[in-house]
């Protein structure tokens, strides 16, 4: 079984679906509320677990009912949570999400306890790095914590994936520690200053990131698919067409799928179609973790595509 260590955020999600996204200062009524669990780290952990990996999760929640619900949910998924810290000062992270009829979203996050997670809190978890085949990280925890985790993984020769979301400036020292960097188009543009509107411009942004020391850059482009770039090659992987209901967890499904594929020893040519299929299916349901598919659903989806169903 592939072994994936995820370090990152865990949130309580409040999602309202409406006909259209509100403009500045406007109230749009008639929506439906969905209360669920999210946070990029927890989402990616659940995605990897449902796709067949053994998963350990390190993060921080508040000592409150939302935090306990998150811990119980992760444990019910079969994810090891003995490395989940609880803050007595900061509340569990919270996300407020608005989704329109076409699946587009607006998200505001109060990170709370996620930002309290420090390298000092993780130092006792070094055996988790010895155990892992892949380390998966995002940017909803503090940059010094992310940097420490990448350095620790490098010391233990663990493959590293950094999903640089939400977009924020990164110190140069981080890039050479990353085996796979997985920005979406907007994040790649933010990090490089290169506008990204398709595979060609994504390649220019990827080349700039490779020059900073990243091993491989995989730019996710939504309905256009994903572009994977290494030092000597670039390959475009088309997305699988679906009717999008809510795109909230698609990027997390992709990163979880990529981690599982690589931890299983697969090449990018094997791992990215798995990740693309998981992301496509995640778009067909409302919510973050509630929308993440399992391995059987992904395999049935791929079989259906091959058979033209």
C-alpha atoms as a PDB file:
ATOM      1  CA  UNK A   1       0.000   0.000   0.000  1.00  0.00           C
ATOM      2  CA  UNK A   2       1.445   3.441  -0.929  1.00  0.00           C
ATOM      3  CA  UNK A   3       2.482   5.480   2.125  1.00  0.00           C
ATOM      4  CA  UNK A   4       1.667   9.208   2.092  1.00  0.00           C
ATOM      5  CA  UNK A   5       2.420  11.709   4.851  1.00  0.00           C
ATOM      6  CA  UNK A   6       0.337  14.896   4.686  1.00  0.00           C
ATOM      7  CA  UNK A   7       1.136  17.998   6.714  1.00  0.00           C
ATOM      8  CA  UNK A   8      -1.330  20.834   6.479  1.00  0.00           C
ATOM      9  CA  UNK A   9      -4.582  22.500   7.366  1.00  0.00           C
ATOM     10  CA  UNK A  10      -7.947  21.224   8.563  1.00  0.00           C
ATOM     11  CA  UNK A  11     -11.057  23.424   8.506  1.00  0.00           C
ATOM     12  CA  UNK A  12     -14.746  23.462   9.164  1.00  0.00           C
ATOM     13  CA  UNK A  13     -16.415  24.427   5.848  1.00  0.00           C
ATOM     14  CA  UNK A  14     -19.657  26.374   5.442  1.00  0.00           C
ATOM     15  CA  UNK A  15     -20.739  26.297   1.790  1.00  0.00           C
ATOM     16  CA  UNK A  16     -23.684  28.209   0.341  1.00  0.00           C
ATOM     17  CA  UNK A  17     -24.785  27.356  -3.205  1.00  0.00           C
ATOM     18  CA  UNK A  18     -26.515  30.184  -5.083  1.00  0.00           C
ATOM     19  CA  UNK A  19     -27.508  30.936  -8.682  1.00  0.00           C
ATOM     20  CA  UNK A  20     -24.683  33.437  -9.096  1.00  0.00           C
ATOM     21  CA  UNK A  21     -21.789  34.843  -7.086  1.00  0.00           C
ATOM     22  CA  UNK A  22     -22.518  38.142  -5.312  1.00  0.00           C
ATOM     23  CA  UNK A  23     -20.947  41.364  -6.509  1.00  0.00           C
ATOM     24  CA  UNK A  24     -19.243  43.735  -4.059  1.00  0.00           C
ATOM     25  CA  UNK A  25     -21.712  44.875  -1.428  1.00  0.00           C
ATOM     26  CA  UNK A  26     -24.498  42.655  -2.773  1.00  0.00           C
ATOM     27  CA  UNK A  27     -26.543  39.999  -1.007  1.00  0.00           C
ATOM     28  CA  UNK A  28     -27.683  37.029  -3.087  1.00  0.00           C
ATOM     29  CA  UNK A  29     -30.508  35.098  -1.422  1.00  0.00           C
ATOM     30  CA  UNK A  30     -32.162  31.754  -2.091  1.00  0.00           C
ATOM     31  CA  UNK A  31     -29.080  29.640  -1.433  1.00  0.00           C
ATOM     32  CA  UNK A  32     -28.641  26.261   0.248  1.00  0.00           C
ATOM     33  CA  UNK A  33     -26.195  25.649   3.122  1.00  0.00           C
ATOM     34  CA  UNK A  34     -23.845  22.669   3.254  1.00  0.00           C
ATOM     35  CA  UNK A  35     -21.730  22.184   6.402  1.00  0.00           C
ATOM     36  CA  UNK A  36     -18.723  19.953   5.919  1.00  0.00           C
ATOM     37  CA  UNK A  37     -15.016  19.496   6.513  1.00  0.00           C
ATOM     38  CA  UNK A  38     -12.152  20.923   4.512  1.00  0.00           C
ATOM     39  CA  UNK A  39      -8.755  22.550   4.653  1.00  0.00           C
ATOM     40  CA  UNK A  40      -6.305  21.759   1.879  1.00  0.00           C
ATOM     41  CA  UNK A  41      -4.225  19.433   4.032  1.00  0.00           C
ATOM     42  CA  UNK A  42      -7.135  17.390   5.358  1.00  0.00           C
ATOM     43  CA  UNK A  43      -8.768  17.308   1.925  1.00  0.00           C
ATOM     44  CA  UNK A  44      -5.616  15.960   0.313  1.00  0.00           C
ATOM     45  CA  UNK A  45      -5.195  13.394   3.085  1.00  0.00           C
ATOM     46  CA  UNK A  46      -8.750  12.132   2.565  1.00  0.00           C
ATOM     47  CA  UNK A  47      -8.270  12.127  -1.214  1.00  0.00           C
ATOM     48  CA  UNK A  48      -5.114  10.008  -0.917  1.00  0.00           C
ATOM     49  CA  UNK A  49      -6.720   7.640   1.559  1.00  0.00           C
ATOM     50  CA  UNK A  50      -9.796   7.051  -0.600  1.00  0.00           C
ATOM     51  CA  UNK A  51      -7.554   6.378  -3.588  1.00  0.00           C
ATOM     52  CA  UNK A  52      -5.843   3.527  -1.769  1.00  0.00           C
ATOM     53  CA  UNK A  53      -2.923   4.949   0.214  1.00  0.00           C
ATOM     54  CA  UNK A  54      -2.042   4.484   3.844  1.00  0.00           C
ATOM     55  CA  UNK A  55      -2.075   8.069   5.152  1.00  0.00           C
ATOM     56  CA  UNK A  56      -0.760   9.869   8.203  1.00  0.00           C
ATOM     57  CA  UNK A  57      -1.837  13.457   8.860  1.00  0.00           C
ATOM     58  CA  UNK A  58      -0.034  16.110  10.910  1.00  0.00           C
ATOM     59  CA  UNK A  59      -1.826  19.373  11.662  1.00  0.00           C
ATOM     60  CA  UNK A  60      -3.383  21.529  14.367  1.00  0.00           C
ATOM     61  CA  UNK A  61      -7.013  22.062  15.341  1.00  0.00           C
ATOM     62  CA  UNK A  62      -8.649  24.046  18.113  1.00  0.00           C
ATOM     63  CA  UNK A  63      -9.860  22.557  21.383  1.00  0.00           C
ATOM     64  CA  UNK A  64     -13.463  23.050  20.269  1.00  0.00           C
ATOM     65  CA  UNK A  65     -16.358  21.000  18.853  1.00  0.00           C
ATOM     66  CA  UNK A  66     -15.366  21.720  15.226  1.00  0.00           C
ATOM     67  CA  UNK A  67     -11.887  20.367  15.903  1.00  0.00           C
ATOM     68  CA  UNK A  68     -13.212  17.219  17.503  1.00  0.00           C
ATOM     69  CA  UNK A  69     -15.541  16.651  14.545  1.00  0.00           C
ATOM     70  CA  UNK A  70     -12.601  17.001  12.156  1.00  0.00           C
ATOM     71  CA  UNK A  71     -10.481  14.544  14.148  1.00  0.00           C
ATOM     72  CA  UNK A  72     -13.331  12.028  14.260  1.00  0.00           C
ATOM     73  CA  UNK A  73     -13.942  12.372  10.529  1.00  0.00           C
ATOM     74  CA  UNK A  74     -10.298  11.796   9.628  1.00  0.00           C
ATOM     75  CA  UNK A  75     -10.080   8.791  11.930  1.00  0.00           C
ATOM     76  CA  UNK A  76     -13.247   7.357  10.389  1.00  0.00           C
ATOM     77  CA  UNK A  77     -11.556   7.564   6.996  1.00  0.00           C
ATOM     78  CA  UNK A  78      -8.758   5.373   8.339  1.00  0.00           C
ATOM     79  CA  UNK A  79      -6.192   8.184   8.549  1.00  0.00           C
ATOM     80  CA  UNK A  80      -3.671   8.134  11.392  1.00  0.00           C
ATOM     81  CA  UNK A  81      -4.217  11.287  13.471  1.00  0.00           C
ATOM     82  CA  UNK A  82      -2.020  10.733  16.516  1.00  0.00           C
ATOM     83  CA  UNK A  83       0.062  13.640  15.172  1.00  0.00           C
ATOM     84  CA  UNK A  84      -2.909  16.026  15.223  1.00  0.00           C
ATOM     85  CA  UNK A  85      -2.200  18.786  17.772  1.00  0.00           C
ATOM     86  CA  UNK A  86      -4.831  20.815  19.622  1.00  0.00           C
ATOM     87  CA  UNK A  87      -4.426  24.508  20.386  1.00  0.00           C
ATOM     88  CA  UNK A  88      -5.916  25.948  23.559  1.00  0.00           C
ATOM     89  CA  UNK A  89      -5.613  29.506  22.237  1.00  0.00           C
ATOM     90  CA  UNK A  90      -6.615  29.387  18.564  1.00  0.00           C
ATOM     91  CA  UNK A  91      -9.943  28.163  17.188  1.00  0.00           C
ATOM     92  CA  UNK A  92     -10.213  25.482  14.520  1.00  0.00           C
ATOM     93  CA  UNK A  93      -9.779  26.911  11.036  1.00  0.00           C
ATOM     94  CA  UNK A  94     -12.966  27.930   9.248  1.00  0.00           C
ATOM     95  CA  UNK A  95     -13.793  28.462   5.562  1.00  0.00           C
ATOM     96  CA  UNK A  96     -16.784  30.361   4.165  1.00  0.00           C
ATOM     97  CA  UNK A  97     -17.530  29.276   0.588  1.00  0.00           C
ATOM     98  CA  UNK A  98     -20.015  30.550  -1.989  1.00  0.00           C
ATOM     99  CA  UNK A  99     -20.621  28.423  -5.099  1.00  0.00           C
ATOM    100  CA  UNK A 100     -22.635  29.440  -8.167  1.00  0.00           C
ATOM    101  CA  UNK A 101     -24.694  27.353 -10.591  1.00  0.00           C
ATOM    102  CA  UNK A 102     -21.648  26.727 -12.802  1.00  0.00           C
ATOM    103  CA  UNK A 103     -19.496  25.412  -9.949  1.00  0.00           C
ATOM    104  CA  UNK A 104     -17.360  28.554  -9.596  1.00  0.00           C
ATOM    105  CA  UNK A 105     -16.561  29.642  -6.062  1.00  0.00           C
ATOM    106  CA  UNK A 106     -15.461  32.406  -3.739  1.00  0.00           C
ATOM    107  CA  UNK A 107     -13.681  31.362  -0.537  1.00  0.00           C
ATOM    108  CA  UNK A 108     -12.677  33.230   2.606  1.00  0.00           C
ATOM    109  CA  UNK A 109     -10.660  31.412   5.281  1.00  0.00           C
ATOM    110  CA  UNK A 110      -9.962  32.137   8.950  1.00  0.00           C
ATOM    111  CA  UNK A 111      -6.901  29.862   9.419  1.00  0.00           C
ATOM    112  CA  UNK A 112      -7.017  29.826  13.218  1.00  0.00           C
ATOM    113  CA  UNK A 113      -5.141  26.854  14.669  1.00  0.00           C
ATOM    114  CA  UNK A 114      -3.614  25.959  11.294  1.00  0.00           C
ATOM    115  CA  UNK A 115      -1.219  28.889  11.630  1.00  0.00           C
ATOM    116  CA  UNK A 116      -0.196  27.745  15.120  1.00  0.00           C
ATOM    117  CA  UNK A 117       1.427  24.560  13.796  1.00  0.00           C
ATOM    118  CA  UNK A 118       5.199  24.937  14.250  1.00  0.00           C
ATOM    119  CA  UNK A 119       8.284  22.892  13.493  1.00  0.00           C
ATOM    120  CA  UNK A 120       8.809  22.442  17.253  1.00  0.00           C
ATOM    121  CA  UNK A 121       5.439  20.692  17.436  1.00  0.00           C
ATOM    122  CA  UNK A 122       6.481  18.314  14.661  1.00  0.00           C
ATOM    123  CA  UNK A 123       9.987  17.401  15.762  1.00  0.00           C
ATOM    124  CA  UNK A 124       8.768  14.336  17.648  1.00  0.00           C
ATOM    125  CA  UNK A 125       7.127  13.059  14.435  1.00  0.00           C
ATOM    126  CA  UNK A 126      10.369  12.221  12.641  1.00  0.00           C
ATOM    127  CA  UNK A 127       9.413   8.498  12.508  1.00  0.00           C
ATOM    128  CA  UNK A 128       6.555   9.529  10.208  1.00  0.00           C
ATOM    129  CA  UNK A 129       9.112  10.832   7.709  1.00  0.00           C
ATOM    130  CA  UNK A 130      11.075   7.585   7.954  1.00  0.00           C
ATOM    131  CA  UNK A 131       7.835   5.709   7.182  1.00  0.00           C
ATOM    132  CA  UNK A 132       6.615   7.856   4.278  1.00  0.00           C
ATOM    133  CA  UNK A 133       7.244   7.388   0.576  1.00  0.00           C
ATOM    134  CA  UNK A 134       5.751  10.786  -0.319  1.00  0.00           C
ATOM    135  CA  UNK A 135       5.333  13.991   1.703  1.00  0.00           C
ATOM    136  CA  UNK A 136       2.472  16.243   0.567  1.00  0.00           C
ATOM    137  CA  UNK A 137       2.342  19.895   1.698  1.00  0.00           C
ATOM    138  CA  UNK A 138       0.364  23.084   1.005  1.00  0.00           C
ATOM    139  CA  UNK A 139       0.608  26.715   2.169  1.00  0.00           C
ATOM    140  CA  UNK A 140      -2.204  27.019   4.728  1.00  0.00           C
ATOM    141  CA  UNK A 141       0.359  26.436   7.464  1.00  0.00           C
ATOM    142  CA  UNK A 142       3.281  28.745   8.227  1.00  0.00           C
ATOM    143  CA  UNK A 143       6.155  28.920   5.723  1.00  0.00           C
ATOM    144  CA  UNK A 144       8.830  28.084   8.354  1.00  0.00           C
ATOM    145  CA  UNK A 145       6.897  24.897   9.181  1.00  0.00           C
ATOM    146  CA  UNK A 146       6.673  23.973   5.500  1.00  0.00           C
ATOM    147  CA  UNK A 147      10.400  24.619   5.057  1.00  0.00           C
ATOM    148  CA  UNK A 148      11.288  22.460   8.055  1.00  0.00           C
ATOM    149  CA  UNK A 149       9.136  19.620   6.753  1.00  0.00           C
ATOM    150  CA  UNK A 150      10.740  19.779   3.302  1.00  0.00           C
ATOM    151  CA  UNK A 151      14.241  19.724   4.812  1.00  0.00           C
ATOM    152  CA  UNK A 152      13.330  16.781   7.033  1.00  0.00           C
ATOM    153  CA  UNK A 153      11.897  14.872   4.086  1.00  0.00           C
ATOM    154  CA  UNK A 154      15.039  15.543   2.058  1.00  0.00           C
ATOM    155  CA  UNK A 155      17.159  14.174   4.906  1.00  0.00           C
ATOM    156  CA  UNK A 156      15.092  10.980   4.861  1.00  0.00           C
ATOM    157  CA  UNK A 157      15.087  10.781   1.036  1.00  0.00           C
ATOM    158  CA  UNK A 158      11.300  11.146   0.887  1.00  0.00           C
ATOM    159  CA  UNK A 159       9.702  12.369  -2.348  1.00  0.00           C
ATOM    160  CA  UNK A 160       8.156  15.831  -1.819  1.00  0.00           C
ATOM    161  CA  UNK A 161       5.086  17.464  -3.363  1.00  0.00           C
ATOM    162  CA  UNK A 162       4.301  21.101  -2.590  1.00  0.00           C
ATOM    163  CA  UNK A 163       0.949  22.500  -3.640  1.00  0.00           C
ATOM    164  CA  UNK A 164       1.663  26.276  -3.392  1.00  0.00           C
ATOM    165  CA  UNK A 165      -1.869  27.234  -2.399  1.00  0.00           C
ATOM    166  CA  UNK A 166      -3.049  29.718  -1.437  1.00  0.00           C
ATOM    167  CA  UNK A 167      -0.549  31.718  -3.485  1.00  0.00           C
ATOM    168  CA  UNK A 168       2.035  33.637  -1.489  1.00  0.00           C
ATOM    169  CA  UNK A 169       5.699  34.572  -1.901  1.00  0.00           C
ATOM    170  CA  UNK A 170       8.117  31.717  -1.269  1.00  0.00           C
ATOM    171  CA  UNK A 171      11.728  32.047  -0.091  1.00  0.00           C
ATOM    172  CA  UNK A 172      14.280  30.840  -2.632  1.00  0.00           C
ATOM    173  CA  UNK A 173      15.492  28.152  -0.210  1.00  0.00           C
ATOM    174  CA  UNK A 174      12.230  26.227  -0.605  1.00  0.00           C
ATOM    175  CA  UNK A 175      12.392  25.546  -4.349  1.00  0.00           C
ATOM    176  CA  UNK A 176      15.362  23.116  -4.419  1.00  0.00           C
ATOM    177  CA  UNK A 177      13.667  21.061  -1.684  1.00  0.00           C
ATOM    178  CA  UNK A 178      10.596  20.392  -3.854  1.00  0.00           C
ATOM    179  CA  UNK A 179      10.487  17.367  -6.156  1.00  0.00           C
ATOM    180  CA  UNK A 180       7.039  18.223  -7.552  1.00  0.00           C
ATOM    181  CA  UNK A 181       5.517  21.725  -7.424  1.00  0.00           C
ATOM    182  CA  UNK A 182       1.801  21.762  -8.313  1.00  0.00           C
ATOM    183  CA  UNK A 183       0.483  25.313  -8.801  1.00  0.00           C
ATOM    184  CA  UNK A 184      -2.710  26.083 -10.660  1.00  0.00           C
ATOM    185  CA  UNK A 185      -2.572  28.698 -13.381  1.00  0.00           C
ATOM    186  CA  UNK A 186      -3.176  31.621 -11.045  1.00  0.00           C
ATOM    187  CA  UNK A 187      -0.587  30.432  -8.540  1.00  0.00           C
ATOM    188  CA  UNK A 188       2.005  29.849 -11.270  1.00  0.00           C
ATOM    189  CA  UNK A 189       1.350  33.379 -12.532  1.00  0.00           C
ATOM    190  CA  UNK A 190       1.660  34.825  -9.026  1.00  0.00           C
ATOM    191  CA  UNK A 191       4.961  33.055  -8.358  1.00  0.00           C
ATOM    192  CA  UNK A 192       6.578  33.987 -11.676  1.00  0.00           C
ATOM    193  CA  UNK A 193       4.885  37.107 -13.031  1.00  0.00           C
ATOM    194  CA  UNK A 194       4.089  35.161 -16.220  1.00  0.00           C
ATOM    195  CA  UNK A 195       0.402  35.357 -17.149  1.00  0.00           C
ATOM    196  CA  UNK A 196      -0.956  31.824 -17.567  1.00  0.00           C
ATOM    197  CA  UNK A 197      -3.939  31.254 -19.857  1.00  0.00           C
ATOM    198  CA  UNK A 198      -3.187  27.838 -21.343  1.00  0.00           C
ATOM    199  CA  UNK A 199      -0.502  25.185 -21.883  1.00  0.00           C
ATOM    200  CA  UNK A 200       1.934  27.417 -23.770  1.00  0.00           C
ATOM    201  CA  UNK A 201       2.060  30.178 -21.170  1.00  0.00           C
ATOM    202  CA  UNK A 202       1.975  27.540 -18.402  1.00  0.00           C
ATOM    203  CA  UNK A 203       5.166  26.117 -19.883  1.00  0.00           C
ATOM    204  CA  UNK A 204       6.877  29.512 -19.677  1.00  0.00           C
ATOM    205  CA  UNK A 205       5.892  29.838 -16.006  1.00  0.00           C
ATOM    206  CA  UNK A 206       7.030  26.270 -15.318  1.00  0.00           C
ATOM    207  CA  UNK A 207      10.412  26.918 -16.896  1.00  0.00           C
ATOM    208  CA  UNK A 208      10.889  29.907 -14.586  1.00  0.00           C
ATOM    209  CA  UNK A 209      10.103  27.720 -11.570  1.00  0.00           C
ATOM    210  CA  UNK A 210      12.426  24.961 -12.762  1.00  0.00           C
ATOM    211  CA  UNK A 211      15.194  27.554 -12.952  1.00  0.00           C
ATOM    212  CA  UNK A 212      14.739  28.150  -9.217  1.00  0.00           C
ATOM    213  CA  UNK A 213      15.587  24.524  -8.456  1.00  0.00           C
ATOM    214  CA  UNK A 214      12.276  22.620  -8.516  1.00  0.00           C
ATOM    215  CA  UNK A 215      12.544  19.050  -9.807  1.00  0.00           C
ATOM    216  CA  UNK A 216       9.282  18.933 -11.793  1.00  0.00           C
ATOM    217  CA  UNK A 217       6.467  21.473 -12.177  1.00  0.00           C
ATOM    218  CA  UNK A 218       2.879  20.316 -12.759  1.00  0.00           C
ATOM    219  CA  UNK A 219       0.589  23.246 -13.588  1.00  0.00           C
ATOM    220  CA  UNK A 220      -3.105  22.408 -13.197  1.00  0.00           C
ATOM    221  CA  UNK A 221      -5.307  24.246 -15.699  1.00  0.00           C
ATOM    222  CA  UNK A 222      -8.860  23.292 -14.716  1.00  0.00           C
ATOM    223  CA  UNK A 223     -10.889  22.130 -17.707  1.00  0.00           C
ATOM    224  CA  UNK A 224      -7.759  22.357 -19.877  1.00  0.00           C
ATOM    225  CA  UNK A 225      -5.986  19.625 -17.896  1.00  0.00           C
ATOM    226  CA  UNK A 226      -2.437  19.688 -16.531  1.00  0.00           C
ATOM    227  CA  UNK A 227       0.992  20.486 -17.928  1.00  0.00           C
ATOM    228  CA  UNK A 228       3.994  18.609 -16.484  1.00  0.00           C
ATOM    229  CA  UNK A 229       7.431  20.105 -17.115  1.00  0.00           C
ATOM    230  CA  UNK A 230      10.859  18.763 -16.229  1.00  0.00           C
ATOM    231  CA  UNK A 231      14.316  19.897 -17.266  1.00  0.00           C
ATOM    232  CA  UNK A 232      14.224  18.093 -20.598  1.00  0.00           C
ATOM    233  CA  UNK A 233      10.545  17.527 -21.369  1.00  0.00           C
ATOM    234  CA  UNK A 234       7.008  18.828 -21.165  1.00  0.00           C
ATOM    235  CA  UNK A 235       3.739  16.918 -21.521  1.00  0.00           C
ATOM    236  CA  UNK A 236       0.130  18.079 -21.578  1.00  0.00           C
ATOM    237  CA  UNK A 237      -2.489  15.821 -19.996  1.00  0.00           C
ATOM    238  CA  UNK A 238      -6.059  16.753 -21.044  1.00  0.00           C
ATOM    239  CA  UNK A 239      -8.781  16.956 -18.427  1.00  0.00           C
ATOM    240  CA  UNK A 240     -11.708  14.543 -18.440  1.00  0.00           C
ATOM    241  CA  UNK A 241     -14.970  16.340 -19.324  1.00  0.00           C
ATOM    242  CA  UNK A 242     -17.694  16.386 -16.656  1.00  0.00           C
ATOM    243  CA  UNK A 243     -20.576  18.665 -15.725  1.00  0.00           C
ATOM    244  CA  UNK A 244     -19.141  20.741 -12.869  1.00  0.00           C
ATOM    245  CA  UNK A 245     -21.345  21.290  -9.831  1.00  0.00           C
ATOM    246  CA  UNK A 246     -18.719  22.562  -7.376  1.00  0.00           C
ATOM    247  CA  UNK A 247     -14.988  22.893  -8.109  1.00  0.00           C
ATOM    248  CA  UNK A 248     -14.012  23.520  -4.472  1.00  0.00           C
ATOM    249  CA  UNK A 249     -12.045  20.310  -3.835  1.00  0.00           C
ATOM    250  CA  UNK A 250     -10.791  19.564  -7.350  1.00  0.00           C
ATOM    251  CA  UNK A 251      -7.222  20.739  -6.785  1.00  0.00           C
ATOM    252  CA  UNK A 252      -6.981  18.749  -3.571  1.00  0.00           C
ATOM    253  CA  UNK A 253      -8.299  15.638  -5.312  1.00  0.00           C
ATOM    254  CA  UNK A 254      -5.635  16.120  -7.982  1.00  0.00           C
ATOM    255  CA  UNK A 255      -2.808  16.464  -5.469  1.00  0.00           C
ATOM    256  CA  UNK A 256      -4.006  13.464  -3.466  1.00  0.00           C
ATOM    257  CA  UNK A 257      -4.159  11.403  -6.638  1.00  0.00           C
ATOM    258  CA  UNK A 258      -0.718  12.526  -7.750  1.00  0.00           C
ATOM    259  CA  UNK A 259       0.751  11.600  -4.355  1.00  0.00           C
ATOM    260  CA  UNK A 260      -0.809   8.136  -4.461  1.00  0.00           C
ATOM    261  CA  UNK A 261       0.338   7.484  -8.015  1.00  0.00           C
ATOM    262  CA  UNK A 262       3.911   8.502  -7.286  1.00  0.00           C
ATOM    263  CA  UNK A 263       4.042   6.679  -3.936  1.00  0.00           C
ATOM    264  CA  UNK A 264       2.936   3.534  -5.748  1.00  0.00           C
ATOM    265  CA  UNK A 265       5.992   3.833  -7.953  1.00  0.00           C
ATOM    266  CA  UNK A 266       4.140   5.113 -11.016  1.00  0.00           C
ATOM    267  CA  UNK A 267       5.466   7.551 -13.599  1.00  0.00           C
ATOM    268  CA  UNK A 268       3.836  10.912 -14.265  1.00  0.00           C
ATOM    269  CA  UNK A 269       2.200   9.300 -17.300  1.00  0.00           C
ATOM    270  CA  UNK A 270       0.463   6.948 -14.872  1.00  0.00           C
ATOM    271  CA  UNK A 271      -0.061   9.267 -11.909  1.00  0.00           C
ATOM    272  CA  UNK A 272      -1.508  12.330 -13.655  1.00  0.00           C
ATOM    273  CA  UNK A 273      -4.446  10.554 -15.359  1.00  0.00           C
ATOM    274  CA  UNK A 274      -5.379   9.132 -11.947  1.00  0.00           C
ATOM    275  CA  UNK A 275      -5.146  12.633 -10.467  1.00  0.00           C
ATOM    276  CA  UNK A 276      -7.133  14.167 -13.353  1.00  0.00           C
ATOM    277  CA  UNK A 277      -9.891  11.574 -12.975  1.00  0.00           C
ATOM    278  CA  UNK A 278     -10.153  12.162  -9.222  1.00  0.00           C
ATOM    279  CA  UNK A 279     -10.319  15.929  -9.792  1.00  0.00           C
ATOM    280  CA  UNK A 280     -12.994  15.563 -12.468  1.00  0.00           C
ATOM    281  CA  UNK A 281     -15.221  13.432 -10.239  1.00  0.00           C
ATOM    282  CA  UNK A 282     -14.746  15.830  -7.312  1.00  0.00           C
ATOM    283  CA  UNK A 283     -16.280  18.583  -9.467  1.00  0.00           C
ATOM    284  CA  UNK A 284     -19.524  16.636  -9.874  1.00  0.00           C
ATOM    285  CA  UNK A 285     -20.548  16.909  -6.203  1.00  0.00           C
ATOM    286  CA  UNK A 286     -20.989  19.653  -3.619  1.00  0.00           C
ATOM    287  CA  UNK A 287     -18.468  20.138  -0.843  1.00  0.00           C
ATOM    288  CA  UNK A 288     -14.781  19.451  -0.321  1.00  0.00           C
ATOM    289  CA  UNK A 289     -14.205  16.115   1.420  1.00  0.00           C
ATOM    290  CA  UNK A 290     -17.762  14.961   0.756  1.00  0.00           C
ATOM    291  CA  UNK A 291     -17.069  15.214  -2.980  1.00  0.00           C
ATOM    292  CA  UNK A 292     -13.812  13.244  -3.054  1.00  0.00           C
ATOM    293  CA  UNK A 293     -14.121   9.929  -4.938  1.00  0.00           C
ATOM    294  CA  UNK A 294     -12.771   6.552  -3.885  1.00  0.00           C
ATOM    295  CA  UNK A 295     -10.554   4.288  -5.980  1.00  0.00           C
ATOM    296  CA  UNK A 296     -13.417   2.118  -7.251  1.00  0.00           C
ATOM    297  CA  UNK A 297     -15.308   5.180  -8.484  1.00  0.00           C
ATOM    298  CA  UNK A 298     -12.234   6.525 -10.261  1.00  0.00           C
ATOM    299  CA  UNK A 299     -11.488   3.202 -11.929  1.00  0.00           C
ATOM    300  CA  UNK A 300     -15.116   2.818 -13.029  1.00  0.00           C
ATOM    301  CA  UNK A 301     -15.013   6.360 -14.462  1.00  0.00           C
ATOM    302  CA  UNK A 302     -11.835   5.614 -16.425  1.00  0.00           C
ATOM    303  CA  UNK A 303     -13.263   2.326 -17.717  1.00  0.00           C
ATOM    304  CA  UNK A 304     -16.363   4.157 -18.852  1.00  0.00           C
ATOM    305  CA  UNK A 305     -14.286   6.670 -20.777  1.00  0.00           C
ATOM    306  CA  UNK A 306     -12.364   3.885 -22.540  1.00  0.00           C
ATOM    307  CA  UNK A 307     -15.635   2.190 -23.471  1.00  0.00           C
ATOM    308  CA  UNK A 308     -17.170   5.464 -24.623  1.00  0.00           C
ATOM    309  CA  UNK A 309     -19.895   5.396 -21.955  1.00  0.00           C
END
